[in-house]
Protein backbone atom coordinates (compact mmCIF):
# COMPACT_ATOMS: atom_id res chain seq x y z
CA MET A 1 -5.16 0.25 -7.76
CA LYS A 2 -1.67 1.70 -8.70
CA LEU A 3 1.33 3.21 -6.69
CA LYS A 4 1.78 6.41 -8.05
CA LYS A 5 5.53 5.29 -9.22
CA ASN A 6 8.11 8.68 -8.08
CA ILE A 7 6.51 7.31 -4.61
CA ALA A 8 9.90 6.32 -2.07
CA VAL A 9 9.35 3.62 -0.16
CA SER A 10 12.07 3.07 2.41
CA GLU A 11 12.50 -1.23 4.51
CA SER A 12 11.79 0.34 7.33
CA GLY A 13 8.78 2.57 6.06
CA PHE A 14 9.47 6.24 5.59
CA VAL A 15 7.17 7.26 2.24
CA PHE A 16 8.56 10.00 0.33
CA ASP A 17 6.23 12.47 -2.35
CA PRO A 18 8.59 14.10 -4.79
CA ASN A 19 5.27 16.09 -6.02
CA SER A 20 4.46 17.94 -2.87
CA GLY A 21 7.43 17.04 -0.41
CA ASP A 22 5.00 15.02 2.45
CA SER A 23 6.18 11.87 4.13
CA PHE A 24 4.35 9.49 5.41
CA SER A 25 6.09 6.33 8.51
CA MET A 26 4.36 3.46 7.46
CA ASN A 27 4.11 0.31 10.13
CA PRO A 28 6.24 -2.59 9.14
CA VAL A 29 2.94 -4.67 7.67
CA GLY A 30 1.94 -1.70 5.61
CA ALA A 31 5.54 -0.84 3.97
CA GLU A 32 5.06 -4.32 2.80
CA ILE A 33 1.71 -3.87 1.35
CA LEU A 34 3.45 -0.46 -0.71
CA ASN A 35 6.48 -2.35 -2.05
CA LEU A 36 3.81 -4.90 -3.11
CA LEU A 37 1.53 -1.53 -4.36
CA LYS A 38 4.73 -0.69 -6.47
CA GLN A 39 5.68 -3.97 -8.07
CA GLU A 40 2.44 -3.47 -9.30
CA LYS A 41 0.62 -7.08 -7.74
CA ASP A 42 -2.62 -7.30 -8.23
CA PHE A 43 -5.40 -7.27 -4.70
CA ASP A 44 -5.49 -11.03 -5.75
CA LYS A 45 -1.94 -11.75 -5.12
CA ILE A 46 -1.47 -8.85 -2.21
CA HIS A 47 -4.49 -10.50 -0.66
CA ASP A 48 -2.84 -14.18 -1.14
CA THR A 49 0.44 -12.54 -0.01
CA MET A 50 -0.85 -11.16 3.63
CA THR A 51 -3.75 -13.55 4.71
CA LYS A 52 -1.32 -16.48 4.34
CA LYS A 53 2.01 -14.74 6.01
CA TYR A 54 -0.16 -13.09 8.72
CA ASP A 55 -2.88 -15.58 9.33
CA VAL A 56 -5.49 -13.35 9.15
CA PRO A 57 -8.94 -14.22 8.07
CA SER A 58 -10.13 -13.35 3.83
CA GLY A 59 -12.36 -11.16 4.67
CA GLU A 60 -10.65 -9.28 7.55
CA PHE A 61 -7.49 -8.53 5.29
CA ASP A 62 -10.42 -7.19 2.55
CA LYS A 63 -11.77 -4.27 4.82
CA TYR A 64 -8.68 -3.34 6.08
CA PHE A 65 -6.73 -3.09 2.95
CA LEU A 66 -10.08 -0.95 1.47
CA ASP A 67 -9.13 0.91 4.18
CA PHE A 68 -5.88 1.90 4.25
CA ILE A 69 -6.49 1.96 0.01
CA GLN A 70 -9.09 5.09 0.79
CA THR A 71 -6.27 6.34 3.51
CA LEU A 72 -3.05 6.24 0.28
CA LYS A 73 -6.02 7.77 -2.34
CA GLN A 74 -6.52 11.27 0.32
CA PHE A 75 -3.32 12.14 0.76
CA ASN A 76 -2.67 11.25 -3.31
CA LEU A 77 -0.56 8.40 -3.49
CA MET A 78 -1.60 5.96 -5.80
CA GLU A 79 -2.58 6.63 -10.02
CA ASN A 80 -5.95 7.98 -10.85
CA ASP A 81 -8.49 5.14 -11.84
CA ASP A 82 -9.19 5.06 -15.34
C-alpha cells in the first residue's frame, strides 16, 4: 500500500498528480494520512497514529481508512499491489 512517489501533497491538503494533471483537495485528516503514506508508513503505524491522535475507535478508523484507500486507487494515486 504505497502512494505513488510523484504525487505532490501540500500542507493545506492540495494533491497534484503530474502524470495526469489532475488535482484534488483533501481535508486536514486526509492530507495527514497522505503524508504518512508518502513517508511509506505501514497500516499499523498509520492506524496507531490516527486512532491515538483523534481518539477514534479502531474498527471505525479501519472502515474509513479502507474506503479512503479505495478512493485513492480509483483516482490512480496508489502504486499497483504486486
